[in-house]
Amino acid sequence: MSREITKIERDTPRKARRDKGLTQSDVAAIIGVNQRLIFRMESEDIQV
């Protein structure tokens, strides 16, 4: 069950980003991180 919750939690930022029409690069620039970090967070490579 915790795996399912984790997937839902990870999908939320991705959906919000897409709903706003932003790219991963856009979000990275706004919050001051590398785009690769956004990619890794959304693809479950790292825990947030």
PDB file of N, CA and C in Angstrom:
ATOM      1  N   MET A   1       0.812  -1.194   0.000  1.00  0.00           N
ATOM      2  CA  MET A   1       0.000   0.000   0.000  1.00  0.00           C
ATOM      3  C   MET A   1       0.859   1.262   0.000  1.00  0.00           C
ATOM      4  N   SER A   2       1.959   1.277   0.737  1.00  0.00           N
ATOM      5  CA  SER A   2       2.788   2.477   0.764  1.00  0.00           C
ATOM      6  C   SER A   2       3.360   2.780  -0.619  1.00  0.00           C
ATOM      7  N   ARG A   3       3.574   1.754  -1.413  1.00  0.00           N
ATOM      8  CA  ARG A   3       4.060   1.963  -2.787  1.00  0.00           C
ATOM      9  C   ARG A   3       3.009   2.725  -3.592  1.00  0.00           C
ATOM     10  N   GLU A   4       1.747   2.384  -3.406  1.00  0.00           N
ATOM     11  CA  GLU A   4       0.662   3.063  -4.112  1.00  0.00           C
ATOM     12  C   GLU A   4       0.571   4.529  -3.677  1.00  0.00           C
ATOM     13  N   ILE A   5       0.685   4.780  -2.400  1.00  0.00           N
ATOM     14  CA  ILE A   5       0.648   6.155  -1.899  1.00  0.00           C
ATOM     15  C   ILE A   5       1.817   6.943  -2.468  1.00  0.00           C
ATOM     16  N   THR A   6       2.986   6.331  -2.502  1.00  0.00           N
ATOM     17  CA  THR A   6       4.162   6.994  -3.052  1.00  0.00           C
ATOM     18  C   THR A   6       3.930   7.385  -4.497  1.00  0.00           C
ATOM     19  N   LYS A   7       3.336   6.497  -5.295  1.00  0.00           N
ATOM     20  CA  LYS A   7       3.083   6.801  -6.699  1.00  0.00           C
ATOM     21  C   LYS A   7       2.113   7.968  -6.826  1.00  0.00           C
ATOM     22  N   ILE A   8       1.073   7.977  -6.019  1.00  0.00           N
ATOM     23  CA  ILE A   8       0.106   9.079  -6.054  1.00  0.00           C
ATOM     24  C   ILE A   8       0.801  10.390  -5.688  1.00  0.00           C
ATOM     25  N   GLU A   9       1.618  10.362  -4.649  1.00  0.00           N
ATOM     26  CA  GLU A   9       2.329  11.566  -4.225  1.00  0.00           C
ATOM     27  C   GLU A   9       3.264  12.068  -5.318  1.00  0.00           C
ATOM     28  N   ARG A  10       3.906  11.168  -6.029  1.00  0.00           N
ATOM     29  CA  ARG A  10       4.833  11.571  -7.087  1.00  0.00           C
ATOM     30  C   ARG A  10       4.090  12.072  -8.313  1.00  0.00           C
ATOM     31  N   ASP A  11       2.922  11.538  -8.568  1.00  0.00           N
ATOM     32  CA  ASP A  11       2.146  11.983  -9.727  1.00  0.00           C
ATOM     33  C   ASP A  11       1.587  13.388  -9.527  1.00  0.00           C
ATOM     34  N   THR A  12       1.374  13.785  -8.289  1.00  0.00           N
ATOM     35  CA  THR A  12       0.775  15.091  -8.018  1.00  0.00           C
ATOM     36  C   THR A  12       1.619  16.251  -8.544  1.00  0.00           C
ATOM     37  N   PRO A  13       2.920  16.328  -8.235  1.00  0.00           N
ATOM     38  CA  PRO A  13       3.719  17.437  -8.781  1.00  0.00           C
ATOM     39  C   PRO A  13       3.807  17.396 -10.307  1.00  0.00           C
ATOM     40  N   ARG A  14       3.915  16.219 -10.867  1.00  0.00           N
ATOM     41  CA  ARG A  14       3.978  16.080 -12.328  1.00  0.00           C
ATOM     42  C   ARG A  14       2.690  16.598 -12.962  1.00  0.00           C
ATOM     43  N   LYS A  15       1.558  16.201 -12.389  1.00  0.00           N
ATOM     44  CA  LYS A  15       0.264  16.650 -12.924  1.00  0.00           C
ATOM     45  C   LYS A  15       0.128  18.160 -12.780  1.00  0.00           C
ATOM     46  N   ALA A  16       0.498  18.690 -11.633  1.00  0.00           N
ATOM     47  CA  ALA A  16       0.412  20.137 -11.414  1.00  0.00           C
ATOM     48  C   ALA A  16       1.278  20.883 -12.421  1.00  0.00           C
ATOM     49  N   ARG A  17       2.477  20.377 -12.661  1.00  0.00           N
ATOM     50  CA  ARG A  17       3.384  21.005 -13.624  1.00  0.00           C
ATOM     51  C   ARG A  17       2.772  20.994 -15.011  1.00  0.00           C
ATOM     52  N   ARG A  18       2.253  19.854 -15.404  1.00  0.00           N
ATOM     53  CA  ARG A  18       1.656  19.725 -16.739  1.00  0.00           C
ATOM     54  C   ARG A  18       0.387  20.566 -16.872  1.00  0.00           C
ATOM     55  N   ASP A  19      -0.416  20.601 -15.818  1.00  0.00           N
ATOM     56  CA  ASP A  19      -1.643  21.415 -15.842  1.00  0.00           C
ATOM     57  C   ASP A  19      -1.332  22.894 -16.054  1.00  0.00           C
ATOM     58  N   LYS A  20      -0.187  23.335 -15.548  1.00  0.00           N
ATOM     59  CA  LYS A  20       0.229  24.734 -15.707  1.00  0.00           C
ATOM     60  C   LYS A  20       0.961  24.969 -17.029  1.00  0.00           C
ATOM     61  N   GLY A  21       1.199  23.888 -17.779  1.00  0.00           N
ATOM     62  CA  GLY A  21       1.890  24.018 -19.054  1.00  0.00           C
ATOM     63  C   GLY A  21       3.383  24.262 -18.909  1.00  0.00           C
ATOM     64  N   LEU A  22       3.953  23.808 -17.796  1.00  0.00           N
ATOM     65  CA  LEU A  22       5.375  24.013 -17.543  1.00  0.00           C
ATOM     66  C   LEU A  22       6.182  22.773 -17.899  1.00  0.00           C
ATOM     67  N   THR A  23       7.394  22.995 -18.355  1.00  0.00           N
ATOM     68  CA  THR A  23       8.316  21.891 -18.594  1.00  0.00           C
ATOM     69  C   THR A  23       9.116  21.644 -17.315  1.00  0.00           C
ATOM     70  N   GLN A  24       9.827  20.540 -17.298  1.00  0.00           N
ATOM     71  CA  GLN A  24      10.711  20.273 -16.167  1.00  0.00           C
ATOM     72  C   GLN A  24      11.765  21.366 -16.062  1.00  0.00           C
ATOM     73  N   SER A  25      12.243  21.844 -17.186  1.00  0.00           N
ATOM     74  CA  SER A  25      13.235  22.929 -17.190  1.00  0.00           C
ATOM     75  C   SER A  25      12.656  24.210 -16.605  1.00  0.00           C
ATOM     76  N   ASP A  26      11.400  24.494 -16.918  1.00  0.00           N
ATOM     77  CA  ASP A  26      10.740  25.679 -16.355  1.00  0.00           C
ATOM     78  C   ASP A  26      10.704  25.595 -14.833  1.00  0.00           C
ATOM     79  N   VAL A  27      10.268  24.464 -14.325  1.00  0.00           N
ATOM     80  CA  VAL A  27      10.161  24.279 -12.872  1.00  0.00           C
ATOM     81  C   VAL A  27      11.539  24.374 -12.229  1.00  0.00           C
ATOM     82  N   ALA A  28      12.523  23.747 -12.844  1.00  0.00           N
ATOM     83  CA  ALA A  28      13.886  23.787 -12.311  1.00  0.00           C
ATOM     84  C   ALA A  28      14.390  25.222 -12.214  1.00  0.00           C
ATOM     85  N   ALA A  29      14.146  26.015 -13.241  1.00  0.00           N
ATOM     86  CA  ALA A  29      14.587  27.413 -13.231  1.00  0.00           C
ATOM     87  C   ALA A  29      13.861  28.214 -12.152  1.00  0.00           C
ATOM     88  N   ILE A  30      12.582  27.956 -11.972  1.00  0.00           N
ATOM     89  CA  ILE A  30      11.792  28.688 -10.977  1.00  0.00           C
ATOM     90  C   ILE A  30      12.300  28.421  -9.563  1.00  0.00           C
ATOM     91  N   ILE A  31      12.618  27.155  -9.269  1.00  0.00           N
ATOM     92  CA  ILE A  31      13.031  26.828  -7.898  1.00  0.00           C
ATOM     93  C   ILE A  31      14.543  26.780  -7.720  1.00  0.00           C
ATOM     94  N   GLY A  32      15.282  26.991  -8.810  1.00  0.00           N
ATOM     95  CA  GLY A  32      16.734  27.108  -8.709  1.00  0.00           C
ATOM     96  C   GLY A  32      17.491  25.802  -8.574  1.00  0.00           C
ATOM     97  N   VAL A  33      17.022  24.773  -9.273  1.00  0.00           N
ATOM     98  CA  VAL A  33      17.732  23.494  -9.278  1.00  0.00           C
ATOM     99  C   VAL A  33      17.971  23.057 -10.713  1.00  0.00           C
ATOM    100  N   ASN A  34      18.722  21.995 -10.873  1.00  0.00           N
ATOM    101  CA  ASN A  34      18.993  21.433 -12.185  1.00  0.00           C
ATOM    102  C   ASN A  34      17.774  20.653 -12.679  1.00  0.00           C
ATOM    103  N   GLN A  35      17.502  20.709 -13.962  1.00  0.00           N
ATOM    104  CA  GLN A  35      16.360  19.990 -14.550  1.00  0.00           C
ATOM    105  C   GLN A  35      16.452  18.502 -14.275  1.00  0.00           C
ATOM    106  N   ARG A  36      17.650  17.980 -14.216  1.00  0.00           N
ATOM    107  CA  ARG A  36      17.842  16.547 -13.952  1.00  0.00           C
ATOM    108  C   ARG A  36      17.223  16.147 -12.606  1.00  0.00           C
ATOM    109  N   LEU A  37      17.293  17.027 -11.625  1.00  0.00           N
ATOM    110  CA  LEU A  37      16.702  16.737 -10.319  1.00  0.00           C
ATOM    111  C   LEU A  37      15.186  16.593 -10.433  1.00  0.00           C
ATOM    112  N   ILE A  38      14.555  17.464 -11.198  1.00  0.00           N
ATOM    113  CA  ILE A  38      13.107  17.376 -11.405  1.00  0.00           C
ATOM    114  C   ILE A  38      12.768  16.056 -12.089  1.00  0.00           C
ATOM    115  N   PHE A  39      13.541  15.702 -13.103  1.00  0.00           N
ATOM    116  CA  PHE A  39      13.333  14.436 -13.806  1.00  0.00           C
ATOM    117  C   PHE A  39      13.439  13.263 -12.840  1.00  0.00           C
ATOM    118  N   ARG A  40      14.479  13.263 -12.026  1.00  0.00           N
ATOM    119  CA  ARG A  40      14.693  12.153 -11.096  1.00  0.00           C
ATOM    120  C   ARG A  40      13.583  12.074 -10.057  1.00  0.00           C
ATOM    121  N   MET A  41      13.109  13.213  -9.585  1.00  0.00           N
ATOM    122  CA  MET A  41      12.011  13.220  -8.612  1.00  0.00           C
ATOM    123  C   MET A  41      10.742  12.649  -9.233  1.00  0.00           C
ATOM    124  N   GLU A  42      10.465  13.027 -10.466  1.00  0.00           N
ATOM    125  CA  GLU A  42       9.242  12.553 -11.123  1.00  0.00           C
ATOM    126  C   GLU A  42       9.341  11.097 -11.561  1.00  0.00           C
ATOM    127  N   SER A  43      10.542  10.622 -11.814  1.00  0.00           N
ATOM    128  CA  SER A  43      10.695   9.251 -12.300  1.00  0.00           C
ATOM    129  C   SER A  43      11.009   8.266 -11.178  1.00  0.00           C
ATOM    130  N   GLU A  44      10.944   8.728  -9.944  1.00  0.00           N
ATOM    131  CA  GLU A  44      11.132   7.887  -8.762  1.00  0.00           C
ATOM    132  C   GLU A  44      12.561   7.408  -8.581  1.00  0.00           C
ATOM    133  N   ASP A  45      13.538   8.075  -9.195  1.00  0.00           N
ATOM    134  CA  ASP A  45      14.937   7.718  -8.982  1.00  0.00           C
ATOM    135  C   ASP A  45      15.410   8.107  -7.589  1.00  0.00           C
ATOM    136  N   ILE A  46      14.777   9.122  -7.015  1.00  0.00           N
ATOM    137  CA  ILE A  46      15.148   9.583  -5.679  1.00  0.00           C
ATOM    138  C   ILE A  46      13.891   9.822  -4.866  1.00  0.00           C
ATOM    139  N   GLN A  47      14.041   9.783  -3.556  1.00  0.00           N
ATOM    140  CA  GLN A  47      12.910  10.086  -2.687  1.00  0.00           C
ATOM    141  C   GLN A  47      12.906  11.566  -2.400  1.00  0.00           C
ATOM    142  N   VAL A  48      11.730  12.121  -2.340  1.00  0.00           N
ATOM    143  CA  VAL A  48      11.578  13.553  -2.064  1.00  0.00           C
ATOM    144  C   VAL A  48      11.225  13.736  -0.613  1.00  0.00           C
TER     145      VAL A  48
END
